[in-house]
Amino acid sequence: MTTYTARPIPARVLKELRTTDDAGRPLAPFTDEEGGAPLRCCLRPSTPGERIALVAYAPLRRWAAETGADPGAYDEQGPVFVHAEECPGPADPATLPFTNAHRVLRRYSAEGHILGGRLVDADFPSALTEAFTDPEVAVVQVRAVEYGCFLYEVRRGR
């Protein structure tokens, strides 16, 4: 069985987002009193007392800039939680995080066009294997159902 790697927001992008996010807003850190916010920098829930920020992030735009794709109308930005300061990243990127609830897997082509989506409530590795059986799929985004927020991406061959 293929092992899939959850890709957090890259460190160089986080550095930019911690200055000005993808909506052009400056960082507004706060202390998370409750914990549980899904952090896209280290792919774990926040803990009470951590300094975090909610920033606008355009995952497909960032991926397209790196790969040369043109997402066109599929370019979107949405809210993501990150640590307010640099963090060490995921403890184990081979572990697929945030799989304890319904999620949507969105598939995109190398050109940046959406190829479809699937609701997943269990067995994420099998759902990713199914998504990548389509040779046109270059990247899969894992998203929260309740808010539609980007959680992380999985790429072909990584």
C-alpha atoms as a PDB file:
ATOM      1  CA  MET A   1       0.000   0.000   0.000  1.00  0.00           C
ATOM      2  CA  THR A   2       1.233   3.486  -0.839  1.00  0.00           C
ATOM      3  CA  THR A   3       2.120   5.823   2.022  1.00  0.00           C
ATOM      4  CA  TYR A   4       0.897   9.371   1.617  1.00  0.00           C
ATOM      5  CA  THR A   5       2.521  12.432   3.120  1.00  0.00           C
ATOM      6  CA  ALA A   6       0.502  15.315   4.489  1.00  0.00           C
ATOM      7  CA  ARG A   7       2.163  18.541   3.358  1.00  0.00           C
ATOM      8  CA  PRO A   8       1.860  21.492   5.742  1.00  0.00           C
ATOM      9  CA  ILE A   9       2.104  25.051   4.501  1.00  0.00           C
ATOM     10  CA  PRO A  10       5.810  25.394   3.558  1.00  0.00           C
ATOM     11  CA  ALA A  11       8.078  27.309   5.961  1.00  0.00           C
ATOM     12  CA  ARG A  12       8.948  29.993   3.385  1.00  0.00           C
ATOM     13  CA  VAL A  13       5.230  30.631   2.762  1.00  0.00           C
ATOM     14  CA  LEU A  14       4.519  30.723   6.494  1.00  0.00           C
ATOM     15  CA  LYS A  15       7.198  33.397   6.855  1.00  0.00           C
ATOM     16  CA  GLU A  16       5.344  35.509   4.268  1.00  0.00           C
ATOM     17  CA  LEU A  17       1.925  34.843   5.810  1.00  0.00           C
ATOM     18  CA  ARG A  18       3.217  35.885   9.220  1.00  0.00           C
ATOM     19  CA  THR A  19       3.984  39.302   7.724  1.00  0.00           C
ATOM     20  CA  THR A  20       1.109  39.794   5.276  1.00  0.00           C
ATOM     21  CA  ASP A  21      -1.422  37.092   4.463  1.00  0.00           C
ATOM     22  CA  ASP A  22      -2.805  36.229   1.020  1.00  0.00           C
ATOM     23  CA  ALA A  23      -5.591  38.785   1.500  1.00  0.00           C
ATOM     24  CA  GLY A  24      -3.041  41.543   2.181  1.00  0.00           C
ATOM     25  CA  ARG A  25      -3.722  41.759   5.933  1.00  0.00           C
ATOM     26  CA  PRO A  26      -1.010  41.978   8.610  1.00  0.00           C
ATOM     27  CA  LEU A  27      -0.632  39.205  11.165  1.00  0.00           C
ATOM     28  CA  ALA A  28      -2.950  39.542  14.181  1.00  0.00           C
ATOM     29  CA  PRO A  29      -1.757  36.954  16.719  1.00  0.00           C
ATOM     30  CA  PHE A  30      -3.772  35.968  19.761  1.00  0.00           C
ATOM     31  CA  THR A  31      -3.550  33.549  22.652  1.00  0.00           C
ATOM     32  CA  ASP A  32      -5.684  30.475  22.045  1.00  0.00           C
ATOM     33  CA  GLU A  33      -7.530  30.069  25.330  1.00  0.00           C
ATOM     34  CA  GLU A  34      -9.411  26.871  24.405  1.00  0.00           C
ATOM     35  CA  GLY A  35      -7.081  24.939  22.114  1.00  0.00           C
ATOM     36  CA  GLY A  36      -8.184  22.639  19.317  1.00  0.00           C
ATOM     37  CA  ALA A  37      -7.576  24.940  16.321  1.00  0.00           C
ATOM     38  CA  PRO A  38      -6.184  22.900  13.398  1.00  0.00           C
ATOM     39  CA  LEU A  39      -2.700  24.353  12.833  1.00  0.00           C
ATOM     40  CA  ARG A  40      -1.594  24.133   9.195  1.00  0.00           C
ATOM     41  CA  CYS A  41       2.062  24.806  10.031  1.00  0.00           C
ATOM     42  CA  CYS A  42       2.612  21.688  12.142  1.00  0.00           C
ATOM     43  CA  LEU A  43      -0.558  19.718  11.339  1.00  0.00           C
ATOM     44  CA  ARG A  44      -1.828  19.278  14.869  1.00  0.00           C
ATOM     45  CA  PRO A  45      -4.499  20.873  17.042  1.00  0.00           C
ATOM     46  CA  SER A  46      -3.423  23.891  19.063  1.00  0.00           C
ATOM     47  CA  THR A  47      -3.173  23.615  22.821  1.00  0.00           C
ATOM     48  CA  PRO A  48      -4.578  26.123  25.313  1.00  0.00           C
ATOM     49  CA  GLY A  49      -2.256  29.091  25.810  1.00  0.00           C
ATOM     50  CA  GLU A  50      -0.470  28.890  22.444  1.00  0.00           C
ATOM     51  CA  ARG A  51       0.017  32.053  20.373  1.00  0.00           C
ATOM     52  CA  ILE A  52      -1.648  31.503  17.020  1.00  0.00           C
ATOM     53  CA  ALA A  53      -3.092  33.557  14.178  1.00  0.00           C
ATOM     54  CA  LEU A  54      -5.894  33.151  11.677  1.00  0.00           C
ATOM     55  CA  VAL A  55      -4.587  34.102   8.235  1.00  0.00           C
ATOM     56  CA  ALA A  56      -5.943  34.058   4.688  1.00  0.00           C
ATOM     57  CA  TYR A  57      -4.213  31.420   2.582  1.00  0.00           C
ATOM     58  CA  ALA A  58      -4.567  30.646  -1.130  1.00  0.00           C
ATOM     59  CA  PRO A  59      -3.361  27.021  -1.363  1.00  0.00           C
ATOM     60  CA  LEU A  60      -3.958  26.460  -5.072  1.00  0.00           C
ATOM     61  CA  ARG A  61      -2.427  29.841  -5.975  1.00  0.00           C
ATOM     62  CA  ARG A  62       0.700  28.997  -3.971  1.00  0.00           C
ATOM     63  CA  TRP A  63       0.913  25.513  -5.517  1.00  0.00           C
ATOM     64  CA  ALA A  64       0.384  26.946  -9.016  1.00  0.00           C
ATOM     65  CA  ALA A  65       3.159  29.512  -8.540  1.00  0.00           C
ATOM     66  CA  GLU A  66       5.518  26.686  -7.618  1.00  0.00           C
ATOM     67  CA  THR A  67       4.499  24.348 -10.463  1.00  0.00           C
ATOM     68  CA  GLY A  68       3.654  26.784 -13.272  1.00  0.00           C
ATOM     69  CA  ALA A  69      -0.036  25.870 -13.328  1.00  0.00           C
ATOM     70  CA  ASP A  70      -2.812  28.405 -13.854  1.00  0.00           C
ATOM     71  CA  PRO A  71      -5.685  27.816 -11.432  1.00  0.00           C
ATOM     72  CA  GLY A  72      -7.852  30.429 -13.134  1.00  0.00           C
ATOM     73  CA  ALA A  73     -11.265  30.640 -11.507  1.00  0.00           C
ATOM     74  CA  TYR A  74     -10.343  27.843  -9.057  1.00  0.00           C
ATOM     75  CA  ASP A  75      -7.988  30.220  -7.247  1.00  0.00           C
ATOM     76  CA  GLU A  76      -9.453  30.913  -3.833  1.00  0.00           C
ATOM     77  CA  GLN A  77      -8.303  31.927  -0.403  1.00  0.00           C
ATOM     78  CA  GLY A  78      -9.617  30.939   2.964  1.00  0.00           C
ATOM     79  CA  PRO A  79      -8.860  31.072   6.661  1.00  0.00           C
ATOM     80  CA  VAL A  80      -6.215  28.842   8.231  1.00  0.00           C
ATOM     81  CA  PHE A  81      -4.719  28.749  11.714  1.00  0.00           C
ATOM     82  CA  VAL A  82      -0.928  28.896  12.092  1.00  0.00           C
ATOM     83  CA  HIS A  83       1.448  29.449  14.969  1.00  0.00           C
ATOM     84  CA  ALA A  84       2.144  33.165  15.364  1.00  0.00           C
ATOM     85  CA  GLU A  85       5.880  32.424  15.452  1.00  0.00           C
ATOM     86  CA  GLU A  86       8.031  29.861  13.668  1.00  0.00           C
ATOM     87  CA  CYS A  87       7.449  26.270  14.750  1.00  0.00           C
ATOM     88  CA  PRO A  88       9.273  23.002  14.029  1.00  0.00           C
ATOM     89  CA  GLY A  89       6.593  21.682  11.669  1.00  0.00           C
ATOM     90  CA  PRO A  90       4.868  18.297  11.806  1.00  0.00           C
ATOM     91  CA  ALA A  91       6.177  15.647  14.155  1.00  0.00           C
ATOM     92  CA  ASP A  92       5.396  12.902  11.612  1.00  0.00           C
ATOM     93  CA  PRO A  93       4.310  13.991   8.114  1.00  0.00           C
ATOM     94  CA  ALA A  94       3.634  10.359   7.178  1.00  0.00           C
ATOM     95  CA  THR A  95       0.701  10.423   9.593  1.00  0.00           C
ATOM     96  CA  LEU A  96      -2.421  11.836   7.985  1.00  0.00           C
ATOM     97  CA  PRO A  97      -3.754  14.361  10.517  1.00  0.00           C
ATOM     98  CA  PHE A  98      -7.252  15.653  11.124  1.00  0.00           C
ATOM     99  CA  THR A  99      -8.897  12.429   9.949  1.00  0.00           C
ATOM    100  CA  ASN A 100     -11.231  12.189  12.947  1.00  0.00           C
ATOM    101  CA  ALA A 101     -14.164  13.799  11.117  1.00  0.00           C
ATOM    102  CA  HIS A 102     -15.746  13.930   7.697  1.00  0.00           C
ATOM    103  CA  ARG A 103     -13.377  15.491   5.182  1.00  0.00           C
ATOM    104  CA  VAL A 104     -13.490  16.331   1.505  1.00  0.00           C
ATOM    105  CA  LEU A 105     -10.703  15.324  -0.861  1.00  0.00           C
ATOM    106  CA  ARG A 106     -10.485  17.765  -3.784  1.00  0.00           C
ATOM    107  CA  ARG A 107      -8.502  16.607  -6.796  1.00  0.00           C
ATOM    108  CA  TYR A 108      -6.660  18.997  -9.126  1.00  0.00           C
ATOM    109  CA  SER A 109      -4.851  18.503 -12.440  1.00  0.00           C
ATOM    110  CA  ALA A 110      -1.320  19.683 -13.209  1.00  0.00           C
ATOM    111  CA  GLU A 111      -2.949  22.626 -15.010  1.00  0.00           C
ATOM    112  CA  GLY A 112      -4.675  23.702 -11.793  1.00  0.00           C
ATOM    113  CA  HIS A 113      -8.201  22.624 -12.755  1.00  0.00           C
ATOM    114  CA  ILE A 114     -10.473  20.854 -10.314  1.00  0.00           C
ATOM    115  CA  LEU A 115     -11.147  17.246 -11.253  1.00  0.00           C
ATOM    116  CA  GLY A 116     -13.694  16.480  -8.559  1.00  0.00           C
ATOM    117  CA  GLY A 117     -14.102  15.795  -4.906  1.00  0.00           C
ATOM    118  CA  ARG A 118     -15.085  13.063  -2.523  1.00  0.00           C
ATOM    119  CA  LEU A 119     -16.495  13.007   0.976  1.00  0.00           C
ATOM    120  CA  VAL A 120     -14.409  10.751   3.235  1.00  0.00           C
ATOM    121  CA  ASP A 121     -15.299   9.637   6.737  1.00  0.00           C
ATOM    122  CA  ALA A 122     -12.796   6.809   7.216  1.00  0.00           C
ATOM    123  CA  ASP A 123      -9.931   4.997   5.485  1.00  0.00           C
ATOM    124  CA  PHE A 124      -8.134   8.045   4.147  1.00  0.00           C
ATOM    125  CA  PRO A 125      -5.267   6.029   2.605  1.00  0.00           C
ATOM    126  CA  SER A 126      -7.713   4.098   0.399  1.00  0.00           C
ATOM    127  CA  ALA A 127      -9.495   7.312  -0.619  1.00  0.00           C
ATOM    128  CA  LEU A 128      -6.145   8.882  -1.574  1.00  0.00           C
ATOM    129  CA  THR A 129      -5.145   5.776  -3.518  1.00  0.00           C
ATOM    130  CA  GLU A 130      -8.444   6.004  -5.381  1.00  0.00           C
ATOM    131  CA  ALA A 131      -7.902   9.717  -6.097  1.00  0.00           C
ATOM    132  CA  PHE A 132      -4.404   9.114  -7.469  1.00  0.00           C
ATOM    133  CA  THR A 133      -5.503   6.224  -9.712  1.00  0.00           C
ATOM    134  CA  ASP A 134      -6.575   8.974 -12.098  1.00  0.00           C
ATOM    135  CA  PRO A 135      -3.328   9.860 -13.913  1.00  0.00           C
ATOM    136  CA  GLU A 136      -4.559  13.432 -14.385  1.00  0.00           C
ATOM    137  CA  VAL A 137      -4.537  14.096 -10.612  1.00  0.00           C
ATOM    138  CA  ALA A 138      -1.442  16.057  -9.551  1.00  0.00           C
ATOM    139  CA  VAL A 139      -2.475  17.251  -6.101  1.00  0.00           C
ATOM    140  CA  VAL A 140      -5.222  16.469  -3.598  1.00  0.00           C
ATOM    141  CA  GLN A 141      -6.404  18.961  -1.011  1.00  0.00           C
ATOM    142  CA  VAL A 142      -7.876  17.708   2.253  1.00  0.00           C
ATOM    143  CA  ARG A 143     -10.581  20.076   3.471  1.00  0.00           C
ATOM    144  CA  ALA A 144     -12.905  20.382   6.441  1.00  0.00           C
ATOM    145  CA  VAL A 145     -16.549  19.693   5.623  1.00  0.00           C
ATOM    146  CA  GLU A 146     -18.086  21.992   8.215  1.00  0.00           C
ATOM    147  CA  TYR A 147     -16.269  25.127   7.027  1.00  0.00           C
ATOM    148  CA  GLY A 148     -14.690  24.086   3.719  1.00  0.00           C
ATOM    149  CA  CYS A 149     -11.272  25.154   4.997  1.00  0.00           C
ATOM    150  CA  PHE A 150      -8.040  23.834   3.549  1.00  0.00           C
ATOM    151  CA  LEU A 151      -6.254  21.477   5.961  1.00  0.00           C
ATOM    152  CA  TYR A 152      -3.296  20.172   3.937  1.00  0.00           C
ATOM    153  CA  GLU A 153      -2.317  18.811   0.553  1.00  0.00           C
ATOM    154  CA  VAL A 154      -1.035  15.503  -0.741  1.00  0.00           C
ATOM    155  CA  ARG A 155       0.941  15.412  -3.983  1.00  0.00           C
ATOM    156  CA  ARG A 156       1.521  12.663  -6.490  1.00  0.00           C
ATOM    157  CA  GLY A 157       4.839  10.914  -6.020  1.00  0.00           C
ATOM    158  CA  ARG A 158       5.697  12.557  -2.716  1.00  0.00           C
END
